[in-house]
Amino acid sequence: MSTQTDAGYRQQLNNYFQVNPVIGQPDYECTSTGRSNEAEWTAVVRLKGVEYGRGVATTKGRAMETAAHNALEELGVL
């Protein structure tokens, strides 16, 4: 397993889109379910309306990180 920091994959995804500006910029949609002390967060990364990654975790940041990781894999970067 990787030792990325909490913002590691998100940063890597943002860097990828900065190098490839013609592709566009990623859009994150984050939602939570459950009580605030037991929330489950879902994050979705979209590019031009197309889903590239999804992550589910107990914190918003980790859900976004997982979504970014999955998007990087879908794009063939990882």
Protein backbone atom coordinates (compact mmCIF):
# COMPACT_ATOMS: atom_id res chain seq x y z
CA MET A 1 0.00 0.00 0.00
CA SER A 2 1.13 3.52 -0.76
CA THR A 3 2.34 5.98 1.84
CA GLN A 4 0.66 9.01 0.25
CA THR A 5 -0.29 11.86 2.54
CA ASP A 6 -3.94 12.83 2.97
CA ALA A 7 -3.69 15.20 0.02
CA GLY A 8 -1.19 13.15 -2.01
CA TYR A 9 -3.49 11.69 -4.65
CA ARG A 10 -5.59 14.84 -4.86
CA GLN A 11 -2.43 16.86 -5.46
CA GLN A 12 -1.20 14.36 -8.03
CA LEU A 13 -4.56 14.52 -9.84
CA ASN A 14 -4.53 18.33 -9.83
CA ASN A 15 -0.96 18.32 -11.15
CA TYR A 16 -1.98 15.93 -13.92
CA PHE A 17 -4.72 18.31 -15.05
CA GLN A 18 -2.41 21.32 -14.88
CA VAL A 19 0.01 19.57 -17.22
CA ASN A 20 -2.91 18.55 -19.48
CA PRO A 21 -5.12 21.68 -19.41
CA VAL A 22 -7.02 20.69 -22.56
CA ILE A 23 -8.63 17.87 -20.56
CA GLY A 24 -10.23 20.29 -18.08
CA GLN A 25 -10.32 20.35 -14.30
CA PRO A 26 -11.67 17.68 -11.95
CA ASP A 27 -14.93 18.35 -10.14
CA TYR A 28 -15.50 16.75 -6.73
CA GLU A 29 -18.98 16.01 -5.40
CA CYS A 30 -19.06 15.07 -1.72
CA THR A 31 -22.05 13.80 0.25
CA SER A 32 -22.46 12.28 3.67
CA THR A 33 -24.99 9.94 5.21
CA GLY A 34 -25.64 9.01 8.80
CA ARG A 35 -25.23 10.93 12.03
CA SER A 36 -22.44 13.46 12.22
CA ASN A 37 -20.41 11.34 14.67
CA GLU A 38 -20.82 8.23 12.47
CA ALA A 39 -20.98 9.80 9.02
CA GLU A 40 -20.03 7.93 5.89
CA TRP A 41 -18.68 10.21 3.18
CA THR A 42 -18.86 9.53 -0.54
CA ALA A 43 -16.75 11.55 -2.96
CA VAL A 44 -17.02 11.40 -6.74
CA VAL A 45 -14.48 12.89 -9.16
CA ARG A 46 -15.93 13.95 -12.50
CA LEU A 47 -14.35 15.38 -15.58
CA LYS A 48 -16.73 17.11 -17.98
CA GLY A 49 -19.61 15.31 -16.28
CA VAL A 50 -18.08 11.83 -16.57
CA GLU A 51 -17.28 9.95 -13.36
CA TYR A 52 -13.62 8.89 -13.13
CA GLY A 53 -13.34 7.93 -9.48
CA ARG A 54 -15.40 7.28 -6.37
CA GLY A 55 -14.38 6.92 -2.75
CA VAL A 56 -16.20 6.10 0.49
CA ALA A 57 -14.71 6.73 3.93
CA THR A 58 -15.46 7.97 7.42
CA THR A 59 -13.99 11.41 6.66
CA LYS A 60 -14.55 13.73 3.72
CA GLY A 61 -10.82 14.10 3.09
CA ARG A 62 -10.21 10.36 2.93
CA ALA A 63 -13.19 9.85 0.63
CA MET A 64 -11.81 12.54 -1.70
CA GLU A 65 -8.36 10.97 -1.53
CA THR A 66 -9.73 7.55 -2.47
CA ALA A 67 -11.76 9.06 -5.30
CA ALA A 68 -8.65 10.85 -6.62
CA HIS A 69 -6.65 7.61 -6.40
CA ASN A 70 -9.33 5.75 -8.36
CA ALA A 71 -9.47 8.55 -10.94
CA LEU A 72 -5.71 8.38 -11.42
CA GLU A 73 -5.97 4.64 -11.98
CA GLU A 74 -8.84 5.12 -14.46
CA LEU A 75 -6.76 7.70 -16.35
CA GLY A 76 -3.80 5.30 -16.49
CA VAL A 77 -1.55 7.55 -14.42
CA LEU A 78 -1.04 4.96 -11.65
